[in-house]
C-alpha atoms as a PDB file:
ATOM      1  CA  UNK A   1     -82.167   2.245  82.014  1.00  0.00           C
ATOM      2  CA  UNK A   2     -79.775   5.118  81.157  1.00  0.00           C
ATOM      3  CA  UNK A   3     -76.916   4.389  78.778  1.00  0.00           C
ATOM      4  CA  UNK A   4     -73.593   6.259  79.007  1.00  0.00           C
ATOM      5  CA  UNK A   5     -73.368   7.663  75.448  1.00  0.00           C
ATOM      6  CA  UNK A   6     -69.774   8.822  75.941  1.00  0.00           C
ATOM      7  CA  UNK A   7     -68.625   5.384  77.035  1.00  0.00           C
ATOM      8  CA  UNK A   8     -70.513   3.802  74.161  1.00  0.00           C
ATOM      9  CA  UNK A   9     -68.906   6.190  71.650  1.00  0.00           C
ATOM     10  CA  UNK A  10     -65.471   5.748  73.185  1.00  0.00           C
ATOM     11  CA  UNK A  11     -65.854   2.009  72.971  1.00  0.00           C
ATOM     12  CA  UNK A  12     -66.695   1.936  69.244  1.00  0.00           C
ATOM     13  CA  UNK A  13     -63.971   0.474  66.969  1.00  0.00           C
ATOM     14  CA  UNK A  14     -63.898   3.553  64.743  1.00  0.00           C
ATOM     15  CA  UNK A  15     -63.486   5.835  67.737  1.00  0.00           C
ATOM     16  CA  UNK A  16     -60.692   3.692  69.179  1.00  0.00           C
ATOM     17  CA  UNK A  17     -58.886   3.644  65.844  1.00  0.00           C
ATOM     18  CA  UNK A  18     -59.097   7.431  65.541  1.00  0.00           C
ATOM     19  CA  UNK A  19     -57.776   7.897  69.063  1.00  0.00           C
ATOM     20  CA  UNK A  20     -54.957   5.438  68.395  1.00  0.00           C
ATOM     21  CA  UNK A  21     -53.912   7.248  65.186  1.00  0.00           C
ATOM     22  CA  UNK A  22     -54.137  10.664  66.876  1.00  0.00           C
ATOM     23  CA  UNK A  23     -52.014   9.465  69.767  1.00  0.00           C
ATOM     24  CA  UNK A  24     -49.466   7.920  67.425  1.00  0.00           C
ATOM     25  CA  UNK A  25     -49.141  11.144  65.408  1.00  0.00           C
ATOM     26  CA  UNK A  26     -48.918  13.228  68.567  1.00  0.00           C
ATOM     27  CA  UNK A  27     -46.079  11.091  69.944  1.00  0.00           C
ATOM     28  CA  UNK A  28     -44.263  10.978  66.594  1.00  0.00           C
ATOM     29  CA  UNK A  29     -44.685  14.380  65.035  1.00  0.00           C
ATOM     30  CA  UNK A  30     -42.079  13.687  62.400  1.00  0.00           C
ATOM     31  CA  UNK A  31     -44.484  11.181  60.836  1.00  0.00           C
ATOM     32  CA  UNK A  32     -47.103  13.897  60.433  1.00  0.00           C
ATOM     33  CA  UNK A  33     -44.550  16.251  58.925  1.00  0.00           C
ATOM     34  CA  UNK A  34     -43.358  13.522  56.566  1.00  0.00           C
ATOM     35  CA  UNK A  35     -46.936  12.803  55.467  1.00  0.00           C
ATOM     36  CA  UNK A  36     -47.435  16.491  54.678  1.00  0.00           C
ATOM     37  CA  UNK A  37     -44.181  16.735  52.742  1.00  0.00           C
ATOM     38  CA  UNK A  38     -44.507  13.497  50.778  1.00  0.00           C
ATOM     39  CA  UNK A  39     -46.748  14.835  47.938  1.00  0.00           C
ATOM     40  CA  UNK A  40     -44.549  17.845  47.027  1.00  0.00           C
ATOM     41  CA  UNK A  41     -41.399  15.761  47.503  1.00  0.00           C
ATOM     42  CA  UNK A  42     -42.791  13.086  45.201  1.00  0.00           C
ATOM     43  CA  UNK A  43     -43.586  15.672  42.538  1.00  0.00           C
ATOM     44  CA  UNK A  44     -40.097  17.159  42.919  1.00  0.00           C
ATOM     45  CA  UNK A  45     -38.435  13.763  42.581  1.00  0.00           C
ATOM     46  CA  UNK A  46     -40.508  12.735  39.572  1.00  0.00           C
ATOM     47  CA  UNK A  47     -40.402  16.016  37.642  1.00  0.00           C
ATOM     48  CA  UNK A  48     -37.057  17.609  38.525  1.00  0.00           C
ATOM     49  CA  UNK A  49     -34.785  14.757  39.592  1.00  0.00           C
ATOM     50  CA  UNK A  50     -36.351  12.485  36.988  1.00  0.00           C
ATOM     51  CA  UNK A  51     -35.669  15.017  34.240  1.00  0.00           C
ATOM     52  CA  UNK A  52     -32.039  15.382  35.345  1.00  0.00           C
ATOM     53  CA  UNK A  53     -31.633  11.614  35.447  1.00  0.00           C
ATOM     54  CA  UNK A  54     -33.067  11.320  31.935  1.00  0.00           C
ATOM     55  CA  UNK A  55     -30.665  14.047  30.781  1.00  0.00           C
ATOM     56  CA  UNK A  56     -27.636  12.257  32.216  1.00  0.00           C
ATOM     57  CA  UNK A  57     -28.672   8.875  30.798  1.00  0.00           C
ATOM     58  CA  UNK A  58     -29.427  10.203  27.311  1.00  0.00           C
ATOM     59  CA  UNK A  59     -25.946  11.782  27.188  1.00  0.00           C
ATOM     60  CA  UNK A  60     -24.551   8.256  26.760  1.00  0.00           C
ATOM     61  CA  UNK A  61     -26.724   7.518  23.714  1.00  0.00           C
ATOM     62  CA  UNK A  62     -26.204   8.550  20.094  1.00  0.00           C
ATOM     63  CA  UNK A  63     -28.336   9.968  17.311  1.00  0.00           C
ATOM     64  CA  UNK A  64     -28.337   8.276  13.912  1.00  0.00           C
ATOM     65  CA  UNK A  65     -27.001  10.795  11.381  1.00  0.00           C
ATOM     66  CA  UNK A  66     -29.284   9.493   8.615  1.00  0.00           C
ATOM     67  CA  UNK A  67     -32.599   8.833  10.339  1.00  0.00           C
ATOM     68  CA  UNK A  68     -32.119  11.252  13.301  1.00  0.00           C
ATOM     69  CA  UNK A  69     -33.424   8.538  15.605  1.00  0.00           C
ATOM     70  CA  UNK A  70     -31.857   7.989  19.018  1.00  0.00           C
ATOM     71  CA  UNK A  71     -29.937   4.746  19.337  1.00  0.00           C
ATOM     72  CA  UNK A  72     -30.031   3.396  22.880  1.00  0.00           C
ATOM     73  CA  UNK A  73     -26.522   2.024  22.926  1.00  0.00           C
ATOM     74  CA  UNK A  74     -24.157   3.057  25.686  1.00  0.00           C
ATOM     75  CA  UNK A  75     -21.174   5.019  24.428  1.00  0.00           C
ATOM     76  CA  UNK A  76     -18.812   7.850  25.391  1.00  0.00           C
ATOM     77  CA  UNK A  77     -18.696   9.201  21.845  1.00  0.00           C
ATOM     78  CA  UNK A  78     -20.456  12.451  22.794  1.00  0.00           C
ATOM     79  CA  UNK A  79     -17.973  13.215  25.561  1.00  0.00           C
ATOM     80  CA  UNK A  80     -15.038  12.286  23.356  1.00  0.00           C
ATOM     81  CA  UNK A  81     -16.307  14.775  20.797  1.00  0.00           C
ATOM     82  CA  UNK A  82     -16.689  17.499  23.432  1.00  0.00           C
ATOM     83  CA  UNK A  83     -13.165  17.032  24.811  1.00  0.00           C
ATOM     84  CA  UNK A  84     -11.554  16.641  21.387  1.00  0.00           C
ATOM     85  CA  UNK A  85      -8.971  19.353  20.791  1.00  0.00           C
ATOM     86  CA  UNK A  86      -9.982  19.516  17.125  1.00  0.00           C
ATOM     87  CA  UNK A  87     -13.485  20.695  18.089  1.00  0.00           C
ATOM     88  CA  UNK A  88     -14.447  24.134  19.449  1.00  0.00           C
ATOM     89  CA  UNK A  89     -16.570  22.885  22.337  1.00  0.00           C
ATOM     90  CA  UNK A  90     -13.936  23.162  25.067  1.00  0.00           C
ATOM     91  CA  UNK A  91     -13.230  26.723  23.936  1.00  0.00           C
ATOM     92  CA  UNK A  92     -16.957  27.515  24.029  1.00  0.00           C
ATOM     93  CA  UNK A  93     -17.225  26.087  27.544  1.00  0.00           C
ATOM     94  CA  UNK A  94     -14.185  28.109  28.667  1.00  0.00           C
ATOM     95  CA  UNK A  95     -15.628  31.339  27.217  1.00  0.00           C
ATOM     96  CA  UNK A  96     -18.965  30.667  28.909  1.00  0.00           C
ATOM     97  CA  UNK A  97     -17.305  30.049  32.277  1.00  0.00           C
ATOM     98  CA  UNK A  98     -15.173  33.159  31.839  1.00  0.00           C
ATOM     99  CA  UNK A  99     -18.161  35.387  31.068  1.00  0.00           C
ATOM    100  CA  UNK A 100     -20.094  33.863  33.982  1.00  0.00           C
ATOM    101  CA  UNK A 101     -17.188  34.602  36.333  1.00  0.00           C
ATOM    102  CA  UNK A 102     -16.842  38.153  34.952  1.00  0.00           C
ATOM    103  CA  UNK A 103     -20.577  38.819  35.369  1.00  0.00           C
ATOM    104  CA  UNK A 104     -20.495  37.477  38.925  1.00  0.00           C
ATOM    105  CA  UNK A 105     -17.474  39.596  39.888  1.00  0.00           C
ATOM    106  CA  UNK A 106     -18.965  42.715  38.279  1.00  0.00           C
ATOM    107  CA  UNK A 107     -22.281  42.288  40.056  1.00  0.00           C
ATOM    108  CA  UNK A 108     -20.506  41.725  43.387  1.00  0.00           C
ATOM    109  CA  UNK A 109     -18.518  44.946  42.980  1.00  0.00           C
ATOM    110  CA  UNK A 110     -21.630  46.914  41.987  1.00  0.00           C
ATOM    111  CA  UNK A 111     -23.991  45.343  44.503  1.00  0.00           C
ATOM    112  CA  UNK A 112     -21.903  45.593  47.665  1.00  0.00           C
ATOM    113  CA  UNK A 113     -21.777  49.407  48.055  1.00  0.00           C
ATOM    114  CA  UNK A 114     -25.439  49.740  47.081  1.00  0.00           C
ATOM    115  CA  UNK A 115     -26.516  47.018  49.490  1.00  0.00           C
ATOM    116  CA  UNK A 116     -24.324  48.481  52.250  1.00  0.00           C
ATOM    117  CA  UNK A 117     -25.913  51.899  51.823  1.00  0.00           C
ATOM    118  CA  UNK A 118     -29.401  50.369  51.838  1.00  0.00           C
ATOM    119  CA  UNK A 119     -28.764  48.215  54.912  1.00  0.00           C
ATOM    120  CA  UNK A 120     -26.613  50.477  57.105  1.00  0.00           C
ATOM    121  CA  UNK A 121     -26.970  54.112  56.043  1.00  0.00           C
ATOM    122  CA  UNK A 122     -30.233  54.835  54.214  1.00  0.00           C
ATOM    123  CA  UNK A 123     -33.342  55.999  56.025  1.00  0.00           C
ATOM    124  CA  UNK A 124     -36.635  54.101  55.765  1.00  0.00           C
ATOM    125  CA  UNK A 125     -37.998  56.127  52.840  1.00  0.00           C
ATOM    126  CA  UNK A 126     -34.719  56.074  50.930  1.00  0.00           C
ATOM    127  CA  UNK A 127     -34.417  52.328  51.525  1.00  0.00           C
ATOM    128  CA  UNK A 128     -37.895  51.716  50.126  1.00  0.00           C
ATOM    129  CA  UNK A 129     -37.130  53.888  47.092  1.00  0.00           C
ATOM    130  CA  UNK A 130     -33.904  51.988  46.441  1.00  0.00           C
ATOM    131  CA  UNK A 131     -35.698  48.649  46.802  1.00  0.00           C
ATOM    132  CA  UNK A 132     -38.217  49.771  44.182  1.00  0.00           C
ATOM    133  CA  UNK A 133     -35.404  50.854  41.856  1.00  0.00           C
ATOM    134  CA  UNK A 134     -33.634  47.505  42.276  1.00  0.00           C
ATOM    135  CA  UNK A 135     -36.760  45.396  41.789  1.00  0.00           C
ATOM    136  CA  UNK A 136     -38.438  47.517  39.113  1.00  0.00           C
ATOM    137  CA  UNK A 137     -36.455  46.007  36.192  1.00  0.00           C
ATOM    138  CA  UNK A 138     -37.653  42.541  37.245  1.00  0.00           C
ATOM    139  CA  UNK A 139     -41.232  43.624  36.546  1.00  0.00           C
ATOM    140  CA  UNK A 140     -40.365  44.164  32.881  1.00  0.00           C
ATOM    141  CA  UNK A 141     -39.951  41.357  30.400  1.00  0.00           C
ATOM    142  CA  UNK A 142     -36.503  39.836  30.062  1.00  0.00           C
ATOM    143  CA  UNK A 143     -36.628  40.325  26.297  1.00  0.00           C
ATOM    144  CA  UNK A 144     -37.648  43.970  26.656  1.00  0.00           C
ATOM    145  CA  UNK A 145     -34.592  44.681  28.795  1.00  0.00           C
ATOM    146  CA  UNK A 146     -32.259  42.876  26.382  1.00  0.00           C
ATOM    147  CA  UNK A 147     -33.724  44.669  23.357  1.00  0.00           C
ATOM    148  CA  UNK A 148     -33.370  47.997  25.183  1.00  0.00           C
ATOM    149  CA  UNK A 149     -29.665  47.323  25.656  1.00  0.00           C
ATOM    150  CA  UNK A 150     -29.415  46.203  22.031  1.00  0.00           C
ATOM    151  CA  UNK A 151     -30.727  49.631  21.012  1.00  0.00           C
ATOM    152  CA  UNK A 152     -28.327  51.449  23.326  1.00  0.00           C
ATOM    153  CA  UNK A 153     -25.292  49.436  22.200  1.00  0.00           C
ATOM    154  CA  UNK A 154     -26.019  49.832  18.488  1.00  0.00           C
ATOM    155  CA  UNK A 155     -23.765  51.939  16.287  1.00  0.00           C
ATOM    156  CA  UNK A 156     -26.266  54.818  16.333  1.00  0.00           C
ATOM    157  CA  UNK A 157     -27.394  54.116  19.882  1.00  0.00           C
ATOM    158  CA  UNK A 158     -27.388  56.332  22.935  1.00  0.00           C
ATOM    159  CA  UNK A 159     -23.974  55.145  24.202  1.00  0.00           C
ATOM    160  CA  UNK A 160     -22.164  56.223  21.044  1.00  0.00           C
ATOM    161  CA  UNK A 161     -24.209  59.432  21.003  1.00  0.00           C
ATOM    162  CA  UNK A 162     -22.907  60.344  24.460  1.00  0.00           C
ATOM    163  CA  UNK A 163     -19.371  59.342  23.515  1.00  0.00           C
ATOM    164  CA  UNK A 164     -19.519  61.671  20.509  1.00  0.00           C
ATOM    165  CA  UNK A 165     -20.782  64.481  22.716  1.00  0.00           C
ATOM    166  CA  UNK A 166     -17.714  63.976  24.909  1.00  0.00           C
ATOM    167  CA  UNK A 167     -15.425  64.017  21.889  1.00  0.00           C
ATOM    168  CA  UNK A 168     -14.701  60.285  22.042  1.00  0.00           C
ATOM    169  CA  UNK A 169     -14.843  57.873  19.098  1.00  0.00           C
ATOM    170  CA  UNK A 170     -17.613  55.345  18.532  1.00  0.00           C
ATOM    171  CA  UNK A 171     -17.355  51.952  20.192  1.00  0.00           C
ATOM    172  CA  UNK A 172     -18.534  48.876  18.326  1.00  0.00           C
ATOM    173  CA  UNK A 173     -19.816  47.024  21.394  1.00  0.00           C
ATOM    174  CA  UNK A 174     -22.865  45.358  19.871  1.00  0.00           C
ATOM    175  CA  UNK A 175     -22.423  41.736  18.729  1.00  0.00           C
ATOM    176  CA  UNK A 176     -19.349  41.165  20.875  1.00  0.00           C
ATOM    177  CA  UNK A 177     -18.684  39.330  24.123  1.00  0.00           C
ATOM    178  CA  UNK A 178     -18.297  42.737  25.766  1.00  0.00           C
ATOM    179  CA  UNK A 179     -21.963  43.395  25.043  1.00  0.00           C
ATOM    180  CA  UNK A 180     -22.908  40.021  26.522  1.00  0.00           C
ATOM    181  CA  UNK A 181     -20.937  40.829  29.675  1.00  0.00           C
ATOM    182  CA  UNK A 182     -22.551  44.286  30.047  1.00  0.00           C
ATOM    183  CA  UNK A 183     -26.114  43.123  29.447  1.00  0.00           C
ATOM    184  CA  UNK A 184     -25.921  40.039  31.678  1.00  0.00           C
ATOM    185  CA  UNK A 185     -24.319  42.092  34.457  1.00  0.00           C
ATOM    186  CA  UNK A 186     -27.286  44.443  34.301  1.00  0.00           C
ATOM    187  CA  UNK A 187     -29.932  41.734  34.012  1.00  0.00           C
ATOM    188  CA  UNK A 188     -28.714  39.650  36.991  1.00  0.00           C
ATOM    189  CA  UNK A 189     -27.667  42.547  39.271  1.00  0.00           C
ATOM    190  CA  UNK A 190     -30.851  42.442  41.448  1.00  0.00           C
ATOM    191  CA  UNK A 191     -30.157  38.777  42.236  1.00  0.00           C
ATOM    192  CA  UNK A 192     -26.852  39.850  43.792  1.00  0.00           C
ATOM    193  CA  UNK A 193     -28.122  42.954  45.606  1.00  0.00           C
ATOM    194  CA  UNK A 194     -30.833  41.222  47.631  1.00  0.00           C
ATOM    195  CA  UNK A 195     -28.732  38.432  49.266  1.00  0.00           C
ATOM    196  CA  UNK A 196     -25.912  40.879  50.027  1.00  0.00           C
ATOM    197  CA  UNK A 197     -28.416  43.291  51.574  1.00  0.00           C
ATOM    198  CA  UNK A 198     -29.862  40.505  53.722  1.00  0.00           C
ATOM    199  CA  UNK A 199     -26.380  39.531  54.951  1.00  0.00           C
ATOM    200  CA  UNK A 200     -25.374  43.115  55.738  1.00  0.00           C
ATOM    201  CA  UNK A 201     -28.637  43.857  57.524  1.00  0.00           C
ATOM    202  CA  UNK A 202     -28.055  40.962  59.933  1.00  0.00           C
ATOM    203  CA  UNK A 203     -24.710  42.331  61.137  1.00  0.00           C
ATOM    204  CA  UNK A 204     -25.264  43.574  64.723  1.00  0.00           C
ATOM    205  CA  UNK A 205     -24.416  47.216  65.376  1.00  0.00           C
ATOM    206  CA  UNK A 206     -22.517  46.099  68.461  1.00  0.00           C
ATOM    207  CA  UNK A 207     -19.890  44.445  66.213  1.00  0.00           C
ATOM    208  CA  UNK A 208     -19.174  47.722  64.468  1.00  0.00           C
ATOM    209  CA  UNK A 209     -19.123  49.604  67.764  1.00  0.00           C
ATOM    210  CA  UNK A 210     -16.716  47.077  69.250  1.00  0.00           C
ATOM    211  CA  UNK A 211     -14.449  47.409  66.231  1.00  0.00           C
ATOM    212  CA  UNK A 212     -14.413  51.192  66.624  1.00  0.00           C
ATOM    213  CA  UNK A 213     -13.754  50.905  70.366  1.00  0.00           C
ATOM    214  CA  UNK A 214     -10.735  48.708  69.632  1.00  0.00           C
ATOM    215  CA  UNK A 215      -9.288  51.439  67.432  1.00  0.00           C
ATOM    216  CA  UNK A 216     -10.142  50.039  63.998  1.00  0.00           C
ATOM    217  CA  UNK A 217     -10.831  52.639  61.334  1.00  0.00           C
ATOM    218  CA  UNK A 218     -13.382  52.377  58.564  1.00  0.00           C
ATOM    219  CA  UNK A 219     -11.305  50.333  56.104  1.00  0.00           C
ATOM    220  CA  UNK A 220     -10.055  47.995  58.828  1.00  0.00           C
ATOM    221  CA  UNK A 221     -13.617  47.407  60.045  1.00  0.00           C
ATOM    222  CA  UNK A 222     -14.740  46.806  56.462  1.00  0.00           C
ATOM    223  CA  UNK A 223     -11.986  44.279  55.818  1.00  0.00           C
ATOM    224  CA  UNK A 224     -11.983  42.444  59.154  1.00  0.00           C
ATOM    225  CA  UNK A 225     -15.624  42.607  60.269  1.00  0.00           C
ATOM    226  CA  UNK A 226     -18.058  43.519  57.507  1.00  0.00           C
ATOM    227  CA  UNK A 227     -16.630  41.565  54.559  1.00  0.00           C
ATOM    228  CA  UNK A 228     -16.287  38.217  56.428  1.00  0.00           C
ATOM    229  CA  UNK A 229     -19.860  38.510  57.704  1.00  0.00           C
ATOM    230  CA  UNK A 230     -21.159  39.570  54.278  1.00  0.00           C
ATOM    231  CA  UNK A 231     -19.311  36.778  52.446  1.00  0.00           C
ATOM    232  CA  UNK A 232     -22.207  34.264  52.683  1.00  0.00           C
ATOM    233  CA  UNK A 233     -24.480  36.859  51.042  1.00  0.00           C
ATOM    234  CA  UNK A 234     -21.954  37.479  48.271  1.00  0.00           C
ATOM    235  CA  UNK A 235     -21.584  33.751  47.626  1.00  0.00           C
ATOM    236  CA  UNK A 236     -25.370  33.286  47.707  1.00  0.00           C
ATOM    237  CA  UNK A 237     -25.808  36.034  45.127  1.00  0.00           C
ATOM    238  CA  UNK A 238     -23.051  34.545  43.006  1.00  0.00           C
ATOM    239  CA  UNK A 239     -24.975  31.271  42.835  1.00  0.00           C
ATOM    240  CA  UNK A 240     -27.758  33.082  40.982  1.00  0.00           C
ATOM    241  CA  UNK A 241     -25.568  35.204  38.707  1.00  0.00           C
ATOM    242  CA  UNK A 242     -23.152  32.383  37.859  1.00  0.00           C
ATOM    243  CA  UNK A 243     -25.806  29.734  37.247  1.00  0.00           C
ATOM    244  CA  UNK A 244     -28.122  32.015  35.258  1.00  0.00           C
ATOM    245  CA  UNK A 245     -25.244  33.164  33.046  1.00  0.00           C
ATOM    246  CA  UNK A 246     -24.132  29.577  32.394  1.00  0.00           C
ATOM    247  CA  UNK A 247     -27.567  28.608  31.127  1.00  0.00           C
ATOM    248  CA  UNK A 248     -28.449  31.779  29.207  1.00  0.00           C
ATOM    249  CA  UNK A 249     -28.610  31.580  25.427  1.00  0.00           C
ATOM    250  CA  UNK A 250     -30.974  34.456  24.523  1.00  0.00           C
ATOM    251  CA  UNK A 251     -28.676  37.342  25.454  1.00  0.00           C
ATOM    252  CA  UNK A 252     -25.630  35.883  23.618  1.00  0.00           C
ATOM    253  CA  UNK A 253     -27.836  35.424  20.555  1.00  0.00           C
ATOM    254  CA  UNK A 254     -29.364  38.929  20.614  1.00  0.00           C
ATOM    255  CA  UNK A 255     -26.389  41.068  21.606  1.00  0.00           C
ATOM    256  CA  UNK A 256     -23.477  38.704  21.017  1.00  0.00           C
ATOM    257  CA  UNK A 257     -24.360  37.799  17.459  1.00  0.00           C
ATOM    258  CA  UNK A 258     -23.751  34.585  15.569  1.00  0.00           C
ATOM    259  CA  UNK A 259     -20.033  34.560  16.403  1.00  0.00           C
ATOM    260  CA  UNK A 260     -20.715  34.610  20.145  1.00  0.00           C
ATOM    261  CA  UNK A 261     -21.208  30.951  21.031  1.00  0.00           C
ATOM    262  CA  UNK A 262     -22.063  29.874  24.565  1.00  0.00           C
ATOM    263  CA  UNK A 263     -23.005  26.525  26.074  1.00  0.00           C
ATOM    264  CA  UNK A 264     -26.703  27.339  25.933  1.00  0.00           C
ATOM    265  CA  UNK A 265     -26.527  28.269  22.250  1.00  0.00           C
ATOM    266  CA  UNK A 266     -24.767  25.027  21.345  1.00  0.00           C
ATOM    267  CA  UNK A 267     -27.295  22.969  23.296  1.00  0.00           C
ATOM    268  CA  UNK A 268     -30.176  24.832  21.625  1.00  0.00           C
ATOM    269  CA  UNK A 269     -28.685  24.323  18.155  1.00  0.00           C
ATOM    270  CA  UNK A 270     -28.196  20.583  18.633  1.00  0.00           C
ATOM    271  CA  UNK A 271     -31.713  20.186  20.014  1.00  0.00           C
ATOM    272  CA  UNK A 272     -32.952  21.877  16.841  1.00  0.00           C
ATOM    273  CA  UNK A 273     -30.896  19.384  14.830  1.00  0.00           C
ATOM    274  CA  UNK A 274     -32.538  16.483  16.741  1.00  0.00           C
ATOM    275  CA  UNK A 275     -29.184  15.462  18.225  1.00  0.00           C
ATOM    276  CA  UNK A 276     -30.563  15.185  21.742  1.00  0.00           C
ATOM    277  CA  UNK A 277     -27.761  12.947  23.119  1.00  0.00           C
ATOM    278  CA  UNK A 278     -24.974  15.393  22.265  1.00  0.00           C
ATOM    279  CA  UNK A 279     -27.027  18.318  23.580  1.00  0.00           C
ATOM    280  CA  UNK A 280     -27.562  16.401  26.823  1.00  0.00           C
ATOM    281  CA  UNK A 281     -23.856  15.595  27.093  1.00  0.00           C
ATOM    282  CA  UNK A 282     -22.849  19.228  26.601  1.00  0.00           C
ATOM    283  CA  UNK A 283     -25.511  20.346  29.087  1.00  0.00           C
ATOM    284  CA  UNK A 284     -23.959  18.192  31.809  1.00  0.00           C
ATOM    285  CA  UNK A 285     -20.879  20.465  31.847  1.00  0.00           C
ATOM    286  CA  UNK A 286     -22.646  23.414  33.559  1.00  0.00           C
ATOM    287  CA  UNK A 287     -24.437  20.907  35.785  1.00  0.00           C
ATOM    288  CA  UNK A 288     -21.119  19.521  37.045  1.00  0.00           C
ATOM    289  CA  UNK A 289     -19.651  23.010  37.415  1.00  0.00           C
ATOM    290  CA  UNK A 290     -22.633  24.193  39.445  1.00  0.00           C
ATOM    291  CA  UNK A 291     -22.527  21.042  41.570  1.00  0.00           C
ATOM    292  CA  UNK A 292     -18.946  21.796  42.591  1.00  0.00           C
ATOM    293  CA  UNK A 293     -19.809  25.471  43.030  1.00  0.00           C
ATOM    294  CA  UNK A 294     -22.733  24.650  45.325  1.00  0.00           C
ATOM    295  CA  UNK A 295     -20.551  22.427  47.483  1.00  0.00           C
ATOM    296  CA  UNK A 296     -18.069  25.276  47.903  1.00  0.00           C
ATOM    297  CA  UNK A 297     -20.890  27.732  48.588  1.00  0.00           C
ATOM    298  CA  UNK A 298     -22.310  25.441  51.245  1.00  0.00           C
ATOM    299  CA  UNK A 299     -18.974  25.309  53.057  1.00  0.00           C
ATOM    300  CA  UNK A 300     -18.866  29.106  52.990  1.00  0.00           C
ATOM    301  CA  UNK A 301     -22.337  29.329  54.590  1.00  0.00           C
ATOM    302  CA  UNK A 302     -24.037  30.805  51.532  1.00  0.00           C
ATOM    303  CA  UNK A 303     -27.308  28.920  52.060  1.00  0.00           C
ATOM    304  CA  UNK A 304     -27.843  30.767  55.325  1.00  0.00           C
ATOM    305  CA  UNK A 305     -28.110  34.028  53.375  1.00  0.00           C
ATOM    306  CA  UNK A 306     -30.665  32.781  50.830  1.00  0.00           C
END
């Protein structure tokens, strides 16, 4: 007597369960997507969000000045010390925010014309060459680039050599906030060029043609058409330059000197002194600033240009 193997297989419990699960996932594809995303999301929540939560919580603890042990008692002493007018920490935070804003503005001014030429005017070969020139510094070590600028900004460096050739006096730029501004503007410039280029490249040619047909000249088109459409790219690039400058402590140490104190340097010093709670409290300042900045950037559509 012949047995229908297909019917027998279809009638097995394991086969029915597999068909039921497959049908459930096919009808509810979001469940399948959620199952695929759960492992990386869990790692992200545990490692990144968990570390931020530990940072925020430890900011409300204190470190014993004699034993250097952390006392798990809730207090606002660290924040009171930061916002005390008799302490330099508010001034340090203000200087850091000012340098971050200056670096961001400088990179925006430098990146926009370069990105515009790359996106709208350059031919394919020139565009590739410019991309290589923009990305090439990123292939070198961060420290190598900072030390190169340290050599150029030194008293007997190449910048003063050229100034002397032009009949101008030496400039003592090294170990000043001016040096920090120059070096950070150079280091983070590629992170501004790429988002601005992406935003400018997406502008349809028909928009520019329509602006010309309506009688708008070059500056009017730039102000009324190109800049509003490129604004999300500028804001997206500013997220990188602003955030990276806020957290940097190597460049201020190498080219700013011991008198150039930034938030990152203070946090690093207090970690070295085993005062983790105060370091955590001071580190929450750039976190809060970047949180507000990201909310503003989101409203301006910056995430669409990332």
